[in-house]
Amino acid sequence: MKHLLKLFYLTAFIAAFAMFMRAEAPYLDALDSEPFPKSFVDASKVNKPLIVLVSSKTCISSRVFLRKVVNTATVQSQISSNFIYVKADVATKEGKHFARKNGVLSLPAVYFISNDKTIKYKSKLSLDSSIIQNEMRSFIKCVNIKDQINLYMSTNNVSMKQAQIAIAEYYAKHDQKKSRSSDLKTEVYGYTLGINWFAAFEKAYIEKSQEASKLGN
C-alpha cells in the first residue's frame, strides 16, 4: 500500500511539473530566440522580413488603424509582396510577451524585423497610409544595403565598419550625381531609418557626400 501511495504521489508530481513547463515555455526569452517561431521560419525560407502588428481586438485605436491603414488595398499589396505579416494580439501569451520585451506602452504598435533578426524598426504610426508605405520601402532598402555590406565583408575580408564605409561611399557618389542640393541627413535617413546598425554607414555617407560636394564646387 505504501509503495502504491509513493507511486501515486510521484506520478502526480511529474504530471504537475510537466504542466508547469508547458505553461511557462512561451515566456522563455521568446523575443531573443524566436517570438513567433513559425513566422521566422517562413521569413527565412522566402528571405522576407517580418512586419509585426501589436494590437488588441478590444482596442478602438487598433481597430481604426487596421481598417484605415493596414487593411487598405495598397498597404496589403505592399505587405504581401515584401513581408511576412504577423499579428501579435496582446490577449495571447506570445503577443503579450512580444509587447513586454519591446516596451510597448500603447496600442497599436508596428515593428519591422529582418528575417535574421539583426535589424528592427518601430513604425511612426499615422492614419496616413502613405507614411507606413514609405517606411516599408525604406526598410526593404535597409535590408538590401545590409546584404550588400555582408557581401562586401565576405568577398574583401574586411570589418563590418570598413564594409559599411565602402558601401556608403558608393551610395553617396551615386546620389551626388543626382542632386547637389539635397539635405544630407534627410537623404541618408531615407536609406537607414535611423537604425543603429547603420551608424558607421550614416557617418561615412555624410562625409563622402560633403567631400564630393567640395570637389564639385
N, C-alpha and C. Protein backbone atom coordinates (compact mmCIF):
# COMPACT_ATOMS: atom_id res chain seq x y z
N MET A 1 0.82 -1.20 0.00
CA MET A 1 0.00 0.00 0.00
C MET A 1 0.87 1.27 0.00
N LYS A 2 1.93 1.26 0.85
CA LYS A 2 2.82 2.41 0.92
C LYS A 2 3.49 2.67 -0.43
N HIS A 3 3.88 1.55 -1.09
CA HIS A 3 4.53 1.69 -2.40
C HIS A 3 3.57 2.29 -3.42
N LEU A 4 2.29 1.91 -3.33
CA LEU A 4 1.30 2.45 -4.25
C LEU A 4 1.10 3.94 -4.01
N LEU A 5 1.08 4.34 -2.72
CA LEU A 5 0.93 5.76 -2.40
C LEU A 5 2.12 6.57 -2.92
N LYS A 6 3.33 6.03 -2.74
CA LYS A 6 4.53 6.71 -3.23
C LYS A 6 4.48 6.87 -4.74
N LEU A 7 4.05 5.79 -5.41
CA LEU A 7 3.95 5.82 -6.88
C LEU A 7 2.92 6.85 -7.32
N PHE A 8 1.80 6.95 -6.58
CA PHE A 8 0.74 7.90 -6.90
C PHE A 8 1.26 9.34 -6.78
N TYR A 9 1.93 9.64 -5.66
CA TYR A 9 2.44 11.00 -5.44
C TYR A 9 3.51 11.37 -6.46
N LEU A 10 4.36 10.38 -6.80
CA LEU A 10 5.41 10.63 -7.78
C LEU A 10 4.81 10.94 -9.15
N THR A 11 3.78 10.16 -9.52
CA THR A 11 3.11 10.38 -10.81
C THR A 11 2.44 11.75 -10.84
N ALA A 12 1.80 12.11 -9.73
CA ALA A 12 1.12 13.41 -9.65
C ALA A 12 2.13 14.55 -9.76
N PHE A 13 3.29 14.38 -9.11
CA PHE A 13 4.32 15.43 -9.14
C PHE A 13 4.85 15.61 -10.56
N ILE A 14 5.11 14.49 -11.26
CA ILE A 14 5.63 14.56 -12.63
C ILE A 14 4.62 15.23 -13.55
N ALA A 15 3.35 14.88 -13.38
CA ALA A 15 2.30 15.47 -14.22
C ALA A 15 2.19 16.97 -13.97
N ALA A 16 2.25 17.38 -12.69
CA ALA A 16 2.15 18.81 -12.35
C ALA A 16 3.34 19.57 -12.90
N PHE A 17 4.53 18.97 -12.80
CA PHE A 17 5.74 19.63 -13.30
C PHE A 17 5.68 19.79 -14.82
N ALA A 18 5.17 18.76 -15.51
CA ALA A 18 5.05 18.83 -16.97
C ALA A 18 4.08 19.93 -17.38
N MET A 19 2.96 20.06 -16.64
CA MET A 19 2.01 21.12 -16.95
C MET A 19 2.62 22.49 -16.71
N PHE A 20 3.44 22.60 -15.64
CA PHE A 20 4.10 23.87 -15.35
C PHE A 20 5.06 24.26 -16.47
N MET A 21 5.82 23.29 -16.95
CA MET A 21 6.79 23.55 -18.02
C MET A 21 6.09 23.97 -19.30
N ARG A 22 4.97 23.33 -19.60
CA ARG A 22 4.23 23.69 -20.82
C ARG A 22 3.67 25.10 -20.69
N ALA A 23 3.19 25.45 -19.50
CA ALA A 23 2.61 26.78 -19.29
C ALA A 23 3.66 27.87 -19.38
N GLU A 24 4.89 27.58 -18.91
CA GLU A 24 5.92 28.61 -18.87
C GLU A 24 6.71 28.72 -20.18
N ALA A 25 6.71 27.69 -20.98
CA ALA A 25 7.56 27.65 -22.17
C ALA A 25 7.47 28.88 -23.07
N PRO A 26 6.26 29.39 -23.39
CA PRO A 26 6.18 30.53 -24.31
C PRO A 26 6.86 31.78 -23.81
N TYR A 27 7.14 31.85 -22.49
CA TYR A 27 7.71 33.07 -21.93
C TYR A 27 9.25 33.05 -21.90
N LEU A 28 9.85 31.92 -22.20
CA LEU A 28 11.30 31.79 -22.04
C LEU A 28 12.06 32.55 -23.12
N ASP A 29 12.33 33.82 -22.83
CA ASP A 29 13.16 34.65 -23.70
C ASP A 29 12.70 34.56 -25.15
N ALA A 30 11.40 34.60 -25.35
CA ALA A 30 10.84 34.34 -26.68
C ALA A 30 11.34 35.31 -27.75
N LEU A 31 11.49 36.59 -27.40
CA LEU A 31 11.92 37.55 -28.42
C LEU A 31 13.36 37.34 -28.82
N ASP A 32 14.24 37.08 -27.82
CA ASP A 32 15.65 36.93 -28.12
C ASP A 32 15.92 35.66 -28.92
N SER A 33 15.08 34.65 -28.76
CA SER A 33 15.26 33.46 -29.59
C SER A 33 14.34 33.58 -30.79
N GLU A 34 13.05 33.29 -30.59
CA GLU A 34 12.08 33.43 -31.68
C GLU A 34 10.70 33.68 -31.09
N PRO A 35 10.20 34.92 -31.15
CA PRO A 35 8.91 35.22 -30.56
C PRO A 35 7.77 34.51 -31.27
N PHE A 36 7.89 34.37 -32.57
CA PHE A 36 6.89 33.67 -33.37
C PHE A 36 7.66 32.68 -34.26
N PRO A 37 8.07 31.53 -33.69
CA PRO A 37 8.99 30.62 -34.38
C PRO A 37 8.60 30.29 -35.81
N LYS A 38 7.34 29.92 -36.05
CA LYS A 38 6.93 29.53 -37.40
C LYS A 38 7.06 30.71 -38.36
N SER A 39 6.75 31.92 -37.88
CA SER A 39 6.85 33.10 -38.74
C SER A 39 8.29 33.38 -39.14
N PHE A 40 9.23 33.19 -38.20
CA PHE A 40 10.63 33.41 -38.54
C PHE A 40 11.13 32.33 -39.50
N VAL A 41 10.63 31.12 -39.34
CA VAL A 41 10.99 30.04 -40.28
C VAL A 41 10.47 30.39 -41.66
N ASP A 42 9.22 30.84 -41.73
CA ASP A 42 8.63 31.22 -43.01
C ASP A 42 9.41 32.37 -43.65
N ALA A 43 9.80 33.36 -42.83
CA ALA A 43 10.54 34.51 -43.34
C ALA A 43 11.89 34.09 -43.88
N SER A 44 12.54 33.16 -43.17
CA SER A 44 13.86 32.68 -43.62
C SER A 44 13.75 31.92 -44.93
N LYS A 45 12.70 31.12 -45.06
CA LYS A 45 12.53 30.31 -46.27
C LYS A 45 12.36 31.17 -47.51
N VAL A 46 11.60 32.25 -47.39
CA VAL A 46 11.33 33.09 -48.55
C VAL A 46 12.19 34.35 -48.56
N ASN A 47 13.10 34.45 -47.58
CA ASN A 47 14.03 35.59 -47.49
C ASN A 47 13.28 36.92 -47.42
N LYS A 48 12.26 36.95 -46.56
CA LYS A 48 11.49 38.18 -46.37
C LYS A 48 11.57 38.62 -44.91
N PRO A 49 11.55 39.93 -44.67
CA PRO A 49 11.46 40.42 -43.29
C PRO A 49 10.04 40.25 -42.75
N LEU A 50 9.88 40.47 -41.45
CA LEU A 50 8.56 40.41 -40.82
C LEU A 50 8.02 41.81 -40.59
N ILE A 51 6.71 41.93 -40.66
CA ILE A 51 6.03 43.12 -40.15
C ILE A 51 5.10 42.61 -39.06
N VAL A 52 5.29 43.10 -37.83
CA VAL A 52 4.54 42.62 -36.67
C VAL A 52 3.61 43.72 -36.17
N LEU A 53 2.32 43.43 -36.17
CA LEU A 53 1.32 44.37 -35.66
C LEU A 53 0.94 43.95 -34.25
N VAL A 54 1.31 44.77 -33.26
CA VAL A 54 0.94 44.52 -31.86
C VAL A 54 -0.36 45.27 -31.60
N SER A 55 -1.41 44.53 -31.27
CA SER A 55 -2.72 45.17 -31.14
C SER A 55 -3.61 44.37 -30.20
N SER A 56 -4.85 44.82 -30.09
CA SER A 56 -5.84 44.11 -29.28
C SER A 56 -7.21 44.26 -29.95
N LYS A 57 -7.97 43.19 -29.91
CA LYS A 57 -9.31 43.22 -30.52
C LYS A 57 -10.23 44.19 -29.78
N THR A 58 -9.92 44.45 -28.52
CA THR A 58 -10.78 45.34 -27.72
C THR A 58 -10.31 46.79 -27.76
N CYS A 59 -9.19 47.05 -28.46
CA CYS A 59 -8.64 48.41 -28.53
C CYS A 59 -9.23 49.16 -29.73
N ILE A 60 -9.91 50.28 -29.47
CA ILE A 60 -10.53 51.05 -30.56
C ILE A 60 -9.47 51.57 -31.53
N SER A 61 -8.35 52.07 -31.01
CA SER A 61 -7.28 52.60 -31.87
C SER A 61 -6.73 51.51 -32.79
N SER A 62 -6.60 50.29 -32.27
CA SER A 62 -6.11 49.17 -33.07
C SER A 62 -7.07 48.87 -34.21
N ARG A 63 -8.36 48.87 -33.91
CA ARG A 63 -9.36 48.57 -34.94
C ARG A 63 -9.37 49.65 -36.01
N VAL A 64 -9.26 50.91 -35.60
CA VAL A 64 -9.24 52.01 -36.56
C VAL A 64 -8.01 51.93 -37.45
N PHE A 65 -6.85 51.65 -36.84
CA PHE A 65 -5.60 51.56 -37.60
C PHE A 65 -5.67 50.40 -38.60
N LEU A 66 -6.24 49.29 -38.18
CA LEU A 66 -6.39 48.15 -39.09
C LEU A 66 -7.27 48.53 -40.28
N ARG A 67 -8.40 49.16 -39.99
CA ARG A 67 -9.36 49.48 -41.05
C ARG A 67 -8.84 50.55 -42.00
N LYS A 68 -8.25 51.62 -41.44
CA LYS A 68 -7.88 52.77 -42.27
C LYS A 68 -6.48 52.67 -42.88
N VAL A 69 -5.63 51.80 -42.32
CA VAL A 69 -4.26 51.72 -42.82
C VAL A 69 -3.89 50.31 -43.27
N VAL A 70 -3.81 49.39 -42.32
CA VAL A 70 -3.27 48.06 -42.62
C VAL A 70 -4.11 47.30 -43.64
N ASN A 71 -5.42 47.38 -43.53
CA ASN A 71 -6.28 46.60 -44.42
C ASN A 71 -6.62 47.28 -45.74
N THR A 72 -6.03 48.44 -46.01
CA THR A 72 -6.26 49.08 -47.31
C THR A 72 -5.54 48.29 -48.40
N ALA A 73 -6.06 48.37 -49.60
CA ALA A 73 -5.54 47.56 -50.70
C ALA A 73 -4.07 47.83 -50.99
N THR A 74 -3.67 49.10 -50.97
CA THR A 74 -2.27 49.45 -51.31
C THR A 74 -1.29 48.92 -50.27
N VAL A 75 -1.65 49.07 -48.98
CA VAL A 75 -0.76 48.58 -47.91
C VAL A 75 -0.71 47.06 -47.91
N GLN A 76 -1.86 46.41 -48.09
CA GLN A 76 -1.89 44.95 -48.13
C GLN A 76 -1.06 44.40 -49.29
N SER A 77 -1.12 45.08 -50.42
CA SER A 77 -0.35 44.65 -51.58
C SER A 77 1.15 44.73 -51.30
N GLN A 78 1.56 45.82 -50.66
CA GLN A 78 2.97 46.00 -50.34
C GLN A 78 3.44 45.00 -49.29
N ILE A 79 2.58 44.72 -48.31
CA ILE A 79 2.93 43.75 -47.27
C ILE A 79 3.08 42.36 -47.88
N SER A 80 2.11 41.93 -48.68
CA SER A 80 2.14 40.58 -49.25
C SER A 80 3.31 40.38 -50.20
N SER A 81 3.76 41.45 -50.84
CA SER A 81 4.87 41.34 -51.79
C SER A 81 6.23 41.29 -51.10
N ASN A 82 6.33 41.95 -49.94
CA ASN A 82 7.67 42.16 -49.35
C ASN A 82 7.87 41.64 -47.94
N PHE A 83 6.79 41.25 -47.24
CA PHE A 83 6.91 40.89 -45.83
C PHE A 83 6.16 39.61 -45.50
N ILE A 84 6.53 39.02 -44.34
CA ILE A 84 5.69 38.03 -43.67
C ILE A 84 4.92 38.81 -42.60
N TYR A 85 3.60 38.73 -42.63
CA TYR A 85 2.76 39.54 -41.75
C TYR A 85 2.38 38.73 -40.51
N VAL A 86 2.65 39.30 -39.32
CA VAL A 86 2.34 38.63 -38.05
C VAL A 86 1.48 39.54 -37.19
N LYS A 87 0.37 39.02 -36.69
CA LYS A 87 -0.45 39.76 -35.75
C LYS A 87 -0.10 39.31 -34.33
N ALA A 88 0.31 40.24 -33.49
CA ALA A 88 0.65 39.93 -32.10
C ALA A 88 -0.43 40.50 -31.20
N ASP A 89 -1.48 39.73 -30.99
CA ASP A 89 -2.58 40.16 -30.12
C ASP A 89 -2.14 40.02 -28.67
N VAL A 90 -2.22 41.12 -27.91
CA VAL A 90 -1.74 41.10 -26.52
C VAL A 90 -2.60 40.23 -25.61
N ALA A 91 -3.70 39.70 -26.15
CA ALA A 91 -4.51 38.77 -25.37
C ALA A 91 -3.89 37.37 -25.38
N THR A 92 -2.95 37.14 -26.31
CA THR A 92 -2.27 35.84 -26.39
C THR A 92 -0.95 35.90 -25.62
N LYS A 93 -0.42 34.74 -25.23
CA LYS A 93 0.83 34.68 -24.49
C LYS A 93 1.98 35.24 -25.31
N GLU A 94 2.05 34.84 -26.61
CA GLU A 94 3.14 35.30 -27.46
C GLU A 94 3.07 36.80 -27.69
N GLY A 95 1.86 37.30 -27.95
CA GLY A 95 1.68 38.73 -28.19
C GLY A 95 2.01 39.56 -26.97
N LYS A 96 1.57 39.07 -25.79
CA LYS A 96 1.85 39.78 -24.54
C LYS A 96 3.36 39.82 -24.28
N HIS A 97 4.04 38.70 -24.54
CA HIS A 97 5.49 38.64 -24.29
C HIS A 97 6.24 39.54 -25.26
N PHE A 98 5.82 39.54 -26.52
CA PHE A 98 6.47 40.41 -27.52
C PHE A 98 6.32 41.87 -27.10
N ALA A 99 5.13 42.26 -26.67
CA ALA A 99 4.88 43.64 -26.25
C ALA A 99 5.74 44.00 -25.04
N ARG A 100 5.84 43.08 -24.08
CA ARG A 100 6.63 43.34 -22.88
C ARG A 100 8.11 43.47 -23.20
N LYS A 101 8.63 42.58 -24.02
CA LYS A 101 10.05 42.59 -24.37
C LYS A 101 10.43 43.82 -25.17
N ASN A 102 9.49 44.37 -25.93
CA ASN A 102 9.77 45.54 -26.77
C ASN A 102 9.36 46.86 -26.12
N GLY A 103 8.86 46.79 -24.90
CA GLY A 103 8.49 48.00 -24.18
C GLY A 103 7.31 48.73 -24.80
N VAL A 104 6.36 47.98 -25.35
CA VAL A 104 5.18 48.60 -25.96
C VAL A 104 4.30 49.19 -24.85
N LEU A 105 4.08 50.50 -24.92
CA LEU A 105 3.30 51.19 -23.89
C LEU A 105 1.90 51.57 -24.36
N SER A 106 1.70 51.56 -25.68
CA SER A 106 0.37 51.90 -26.21
C SER A 106 0.11 51.10 -27.47
N LEU A 107 -1.15 50.90 -27.76
CA LEU A 107 -1.56 50.13 -28.93
C LEU A 107 -2.26 51.03 -29.93
N PRO A 108 -2.13 50.70 -31.23
CA PRO A 108 -1.31 49.62 -31.79
C PRO A 108 0.16 50.01 -31.89
N ALA A 109 1.00 49.03 -32.22
CA ALA A 109 2.41 49.28 -32.50
C ALA A 109 2.81 48.37 -33.65
N VAL A 110 3.69 48.87 -34.52
CA VAL A 110 4.13 48.09 -35.68
C VAL A 110 5.65 48.01 -35.71
N TYR A 111 6.17 46.80 -35.86
CA TYR A 111 7.61 46.58 -35.93
C TYR A 111 7.97 45.90 -37.25
N PHE A 112 9.10 46.32 -37.81
CA PHE A 112 9.69 45.64 -38.96
C PHE A 112 10.93 44.91 -38.44
N ILE A 113 11.07 43.64 -38.77
CA ILE A 113 12.20 42.83 -38.28
C ILE A 113 12.79 42.05 -39.45
N SER A 114 14.11 42.17 -39.65
CA SER A 114 14.75 41.42 -40.74
C SER A 114 14.66 39.93 -40.45
N ASN A 115 14.69 39.11 -41.48
CA ASN A 115 14.48 37.67 -41.28
C ASN A 115 15.57 37.01 -40.44
N ASP A 116 16.74 37.68 -40.32
CA ASP A 116 17.79 37.14 -39.43
C ASP A 116 17.76 37.82 -38.06
N LYS A 117 16.77 38.70 -37.84
CA LYS A 117 16.50 39.36 -36.56
C LYS A 117 17.58 40.36 -36.14
N THR A 118 18.46 40.76 -37.03
CA THR A 118 19.53 41.70 -36.66
C THR A 118 19.11 43.16 -36.82
N ILE A 119 18.07 43.42 -37.58
CA ILE A 119 17.63 44.80 -37.80
C ILE A 119 16.16 44.92 -37.41
N LYS A 120 15.86 45.91 -36.58
CA LYS A 120 14.48 46.10 -36.14
C LYS A 120 14.15 47.60 -36.16
N TYR A 121 12.93 47.90 -36.58
CA TYR A 121 12.50 49.31 -36.65
C TYR A 121 11.05 49.39 -36.19
N LYS A 122 10.76 50.39 -35.35
CA LYS A 122 9.40 50.63 -34.91
C LYS A 122 8.78 51.75 -35.73
N SER A 123 7.63 51.48 -36.30
CA SER A 123 6.96 52.43 -37.18
C SER A 123 6.47 53.66 -36.42
N LYS A 124 6.52 54.79 -37.11
CA LYS A 124 5.92 56.02 -36.58
C LYS A 124 4.45 56.02 -37.03
N LEU A 125 3.58 55.54 -36.19
CA LEU A 125 2.20 55.30 -36.57
C LEU A 125 1.48 56.57 -37.01
N SER A 126 0.71 56.43 -38.07
CA SER A 126 -0.11 57.52 -38.57
C SER A 126 -1.28 56.93 -39.35
N LEU A 127 -2.38 57.65 -39.37
CA LEU A 127 -3.52 57.18 -40.15
C LEU A 127 -3.36 57.52 -41.63
N ASP A 128 -2.25 58.17 -41.97
CA ASP A 128 -1.90 58.41 -43.36
C ASP A 128 -1.15 57.17 -43.86
N SER A 129 -1.79 56.37 -44.69
CA SER A 129 -1.20 55.09 -45.10
C SER A 129 0.07 55.26 -45.91
N SER A 130 0.27 56.44 -46.51
CA SER A 130 1.48 56.66 -47.31
C SER A 130 2.74 56.63 -46.43
N ILE A 131 2.59 56.98 -45.13
CA ILE A 131 3.74 57.00 -44.23
C ILE A 131 4.27 55.59 -43.99
N ILE A 132 3.38 54.66 -43.67
CA ILE A 132 3.84 53.29 -43.42
C ILE A 132 4.34 52.64 -44.71
N GLN A 133 3.77 53.04 -45.85
CA GLN A 133 4.27 52.52 -47.12
C GLN A 133 5.70 52.99 -47.39
N ASN A 134 5.97 54.26 -47.09
CA ASN A 134 7.34 54.78 -47.24
C ASN A 134 8.29 54.07 -46.29
N GLU A 135 7.83 53.81 -45.06
CA GLU A 135 8.67 53.09 -44.09
C GLU A 135 8.96 51.67 -44.57
N MET A 136 7.97 51.02 -45.14
CA MET A 136 8.18 49.66 -45.66
C MET A 136 9.22 49.66 -46.77
N ARG A 137 9.10 50.63 -47.69
CA ARG A 137 10.07 50.72 -48.79
C ARG A 137 11.47 50.98 -48.26
N SER A 138 11.57 51.88 -47.27
CA SER A 138 12.87 52.20 -46.69
C SER A 138 13.46 51.01 -45.95
N PHE A 139 12.60 50.24 -45.27
CA PHE A 139 13.11 49.09 -44.53
C PHE A 139 13.64 48.02 -45.49
N ILE A 140 12.94 47.81 -46.59
CA ILE A 140 13.42 46.87 -47.60
C ILE A 140 14.78 47.33 -48.13
N LYS A 141 14.93 48.65 -48.31
CA LYS A 141 16.21 49.22 -48.77
C LYS A 141 17.30 48.95 -47.72
N CYS A 142 16.95 49.10 -46.43
CA CYS A 142 17.89 48.81 -45.35
C CYS A 142 18.38 47.36 -45.43
N VAL A 143 17.45 46.44 -45.63
CA VAL A 143 17.80 45.02 -45.71
C VAL A 143 18.72 44.78 -46.90
N ASN A 144 18.43 45.42 -48.03
CA ASN A 144 19.27 45.26 -49.22
C ASN A 144 20.68 45.81 -48.98
N ILE A 145 20.77 46.97 -48.32
CA ILE A 145 22.08 47.56 -48.02
C ILE A 145 22.85 46.65 -47.07
N LYS A 146 22.17 46.09 -46.07
CA LYS A 146 22.83 45.17 -45.14
C LYS A 146 23.39 43.96 -45.89
N ASP A 147 22.63 43.44 -46.85
CA ASP A 147 23.10 42.31 -47.65
C ASP A 147 24.33 42.70 -48.47
N GLN A 148 24.32 43.92 -49.00
CA GLN A 148 25.48 44.39 -49.77
C GLN A 148 26.71 44.53 -48.88
N ILE A 149 26.49 45.03 -47.67
CA ILE A 149 27.59 45.18 -46.71
C ILE A 149 28.16 43.81 -46.34
N ASN A 150 27.28 42.84 -46.07
CA ASN A 150 27.73 41.50 -45.72
C ASN A 150 28.50 40.85 -46.87
N LEU A 151 28.03 41.08 -48.09
CA LEU A 151 28.71 40.53 -49.26
C LEU A 151 30.10 41.16 -49.42
N TYR A 152 30.17 42.47 -49.22
CA TYR A 152 31.45 43.17 -49.33
C TYR A 152 32.43 42.68 -48.27
N MET A 153 31.92 42.44 -47.06
CA MET A 153 32.76 41.90 -45.98
C MET A 153 33.36 40.55 -46.36
N SER A 154 32.52 39.66 -46.86
CA SER A 154 32.97 38.30 -47.15
C SER A 154 33.89 38.23 -48.36
N THR A 155 33.65 39.06 -49.36
CA THR A 155 34.47 38.99 -50.58
C THR A 155 35.77 39.77 -50.47
N ASN A 156 35.83 40.75 -49.55
CA ASN A 156 37.03 41.58 -49.43
C ASN A 156 37.77 41.38 -48.10
N ASN A 157 37.22 40.50 -47.26
CA ASN A 157 37.85 40.17 -45.97
C ASN A 157 38.14 41.42 -45.14
N VAL A 158 37.11 42.25 -44.96
CA VAL A 158 37.26 43.48 -44.18
C VAL A 158 36.25 43.46 -43.03
N SER A 159 36.40 44.41 -42.10
CA SER A 159 35.47 44.51 -40.96
C SER A 159 34.12 45.06 -41.41
N MET A 160 33.13 44.94 -40.54
CA MET A 160 31.81 45.46 -40.86
C MET A 160 31.86 46.98 -41.07
N LYS A 161 32.59 47.67 -40.19
CA LYS A 161 32.69 49.12 -40.31
C LYS A 161 33.32 49.52 -41.64
N GLN A 162 34.37 48.82 -42.04
CA GLN A 162 35.02 49.11 -43.32
C GLN A 162 34.06 48.86 -44.49
N ALA A 163 33.29 47.79 -44.38
CA ALA A 163 32.33 47.48 -45.43
C ALA A 163 31.22 48.52 -45.49
N GLN A 164 30.74 48.96 -44.32
CA GLN A 164 29.71 50.00 -44.28
C GLN A 164 30.21 51.29 -44.92
N ILE A 165 31.45 51.65 -44.64
CA ILE A 165 32.04 52.86 -45.21
C ILE A 165 32.14 52.74 -46.73
N ALA A 166 32.58 51.59 -47.22
CA ALA A 166 32.74 51.39 -48.66
C ALA A 166 31.40 51.47 -49.38
N ILE A 167 30.37 50.81 -48.84
CA ILE A 167 29.05 50.83 -49.47
C ILE A 167 28.43 52.22 -49.37
N ALA A 168 28.65 52.91 -48.24
CA ALA A 168 28.14 54.27 -48.07
C ALA A 168 28.75 55.21 -49.11
N GLU A 169 30.03 55.02 -49.38
CA GLU A 169 30.71 55.86 -50.38
C GLU A 169 30.07 55.67 -51.75
N TYR A 170 29.74 54.44 -52.07
CA TYR A 170 29.08 54.16 -53.36
C TYR A 170 27.75 54.90 -53.46
N TYR A 171 26.92 54.81 -52.40
CA TYR A 171 25.62 55.48 -52.42
C TYR A 171 25.76 56.99 -52.44
N ALA A 172 26.74 57.51 -51.69
CA ALA A 172 26.95 58.96 -51.64
C ALA A 172 27.33 59.51 -53.01
N LYS A 173 28.21 58.82 -53.69
CA LYS A 173 28.63 59.26 -55.03
C LYS A 173 27.46 59.19 -56.01
N HIS A 174 26.67 58.14 -55.89
CA HIS A 174 25.51 57.97 -56.77
C HIS A 174 24.51 59.11 -56.58
N ASP A 175 24.22 59.44 -55.30
CA ASP A 175 23.25 60.49 -55.01
C ASP A 175 23.78 61.88 -55.35
N GLN A 176 25.10 62.05 -55.21
CA GLN A 176 25.70 63.34 -55.53
C GLN A 176 25.51 63.67 -57.01
N LYS A 177 25.53 62.63 -57.85
CA LYS A 177 25.33 62.84 -59.28
C LYS A 177 23.89 63.25 -59.58
N LYS A 178 22.96 62.74 -58.78
CA LYS A 178 21.55 63.05 -59.00
C LYS A 178 21.19 64.44 -58.50
N SER A 179 21.70 64.79 -57.31
CA SER A 179 21.33 66.07 -56.71
C SER A 179 22.47 66.62 -55.87
N ARG A 180 22.77 67.88 -56.05
CA ARG A 180 23.84 68.50 -55.28
C ARG A 180 23.31 69.44 -54.19
N SER A 181 22.00 69.49 -54.04
CA SER A 181 21.44 70.45 -53.09
C SER A 181 20.54 69.81 -52.03
N SER A 182 20.47 68.49 -52.00
CA SER A 182 19.58 67.84 -51.04
C SER A 182 20.19 67.86 -49.63
N ASP A 183 19.32 67.75 -48.62
CA ASP A 183 19.76 67.71 -47.24
C ASP A 183 20.34 66.32 -46.94
N LEU A 184 21.60 66.28 -46.53
CA LEU A 184 22.28 65.00 -46.38
C LEU A 184 21.67 64.11 -45.30
N LYS A 185 21.28 64.70 -44.17
CA LYS A 185 20.72 63.90 -43.09
C LYS A 185 19.39 63.29 -43.50
N THR A 186 18.59 64.06 -44.22
CA THR A 186 17.32 63.54 -44.72
C THR A 186 17.56 62.43 -45.74
N GLU A 187 18.56 62.65 -46.57
CA GLU A 187 18.90 61.69 -47.62
C GLU A 187 19.34 60.35 -47.04
N VAL A 188 20.27 60.40 -46.08
CA VAL A 188 20.78 59.15 -45.51
C VAL A 188 19.72 58.49 -44.63
N TYR A 189 18.85 59.28 -44.01
CA TYR A 189 17.76 58.71 -43.21
C TYR A 189 16.82 57.90 -44.10
N GLY A 190 16.66 58.34 -45.33
CA GLY A 190 15.84 57.60 -46.28
C GLY A 190 16.38 56.21 -46.56
N TYR A 191 17.69 56.06 -46.39
CA TYR A 191 18.31 54.75 -46.58
C TYR A 191 18.30 53.90 -45.32
N THR A 192 18.40 54.52 -44.15
CA THR A 192 18.66 53.76 -42.92
C THR A 192 17.57 53.82 -41.86
N LEU A 193 16.62 54.76 -41.98
CA LEU A 193 15.56 54.94 -40.99
C LEU A 193 16.11 55.24 -39.60
N GLY A 194 17.38 55.66 -39.53
CA GLY A 194 17.99 55.97 -38.24
C GLY A 194 18.29 54.74 -37.40
N ILE A 195 18.33 53.56 -38.02
CA ILE A 195 18.59 52.31 -37.29
C ILE A 195 20.05 52.28 -36.85
N ASN A 196 20.30 51.95 -35.58
CA ASN A 196 21.66 51.99 -35.02
C ASN A 196 22.66 51.13 -35.77
N TRP A 197 22.20 50.04 -36.34
CA TRP A 197 23.09 49.13 -37.06
C TRP A 197 23.86 49.86 -38.16
N PHE A 198 23.27 50.95 -38.69
CA PHE A 198 23.87 51.67 -39.82
C PHE A 198 24.62 52.93 -39.40
N ALA A 199 25.04 53.01 -38.14
CA ALA A 199 25.71 54.22 -37.64
C ALA A 199 26.95 54.57 -38.46
N ALA A 200 27.81 53.58 -38.72
CA ALA A 200 29.03 53.83 -39.50
C ALA A 200 28.68 54.18 -40.94
N PHE A 201 27.64 53.56 -41.46
CA PHE A 201 27.18 53.83 -42.82
C PHE A 201 26.73 55.29 -42.93
N GLU A 202 25.91 55.74 -41.97
CA GLU A 202 25.39 57.12 -42.00
C GLU A 202 26.52 58.14 -41.92
N LYS A 203 27.46 57.92 -41.00
CA LYS A 203 28.57 58.85 -40.83
C LYS A 203 29.41 58.92 -42.10
N ALA A 204 29.73 57.76 -42.67
CA ALA A 204 30.54 57.73 -43.89
C ALA A 204 29.80 58.35 -45.07
N TYR A 205 28.51 58.11 -45.15
CA TYR A 205 27.69 58.64 -46.25
C TYR A 205 27.76 60.16 -46.26
N ILE A 206 27.54 60.76 -45.09
CA ILE A 206 27.56 62.23 -44.99
C ILE A 206 28.95 62.78 -45.30
N GLU A 207 29.99 62.13 -44.76
CA GLU A 207 31.37 62.60 -45.00
C GLU A 207 31.73 62.52 -46.49
N LYS A 208 31.39 61.41 -47.12
CA LYS A 208 31.72 61.24 -48.54
C LYS A 208 30.91 62.20 -49.41
N SER A 209 29.68 62.46 -49.03
CA SER A 209 28.85 63.40 -49.79
C SER A 209 29.41 64.82 -49.69
N GLN A 210 29.85 65.17 -48.49
CA GLN A 210 30.43 66.51 -48.29
C GLN A 210 31.74 66.68 -49.08
N GLU A 211 32.54 65.60 -49.09
CA GLU A 211 33.79 65.62 -49.85
C GLU A 211 33.50 65.81 -51.35
N ALA A 212 32.52 65.04 -51.84
CA ALA A 212 32.16 65.13 -53.26
C ALA A 212 31.61 66.51 -53.59
N SER A 213 30.86 67.09 -52.64
CA SER A 213 30.29 68.42 -52.87
C SER A 213 31.39 69.47 -52.97
N LYS A 214 32.42 69.36 -52.12
CA LYS A 214 33.54 70.30 -52.16
C LYS A 214 34.31 70.18 -53.48
N LEU A 215 34.50 68.93 -53.92
CA LEU A 215 35.22 68.71 -55.18
C LEU A 215 34.42 69.25 -56.34
N GLY A 216 33.07 69.14 -56.25
CA GLY A 216 32.21 69.62 -57.31
C GLY A 216 32.23 71.13 -57.44
N ASN A 217 32.43 71.80 -56.29
CA ASN A 217 32.49 73.24 -56.31
C ASN A 217 33.87 73.74 -56.75
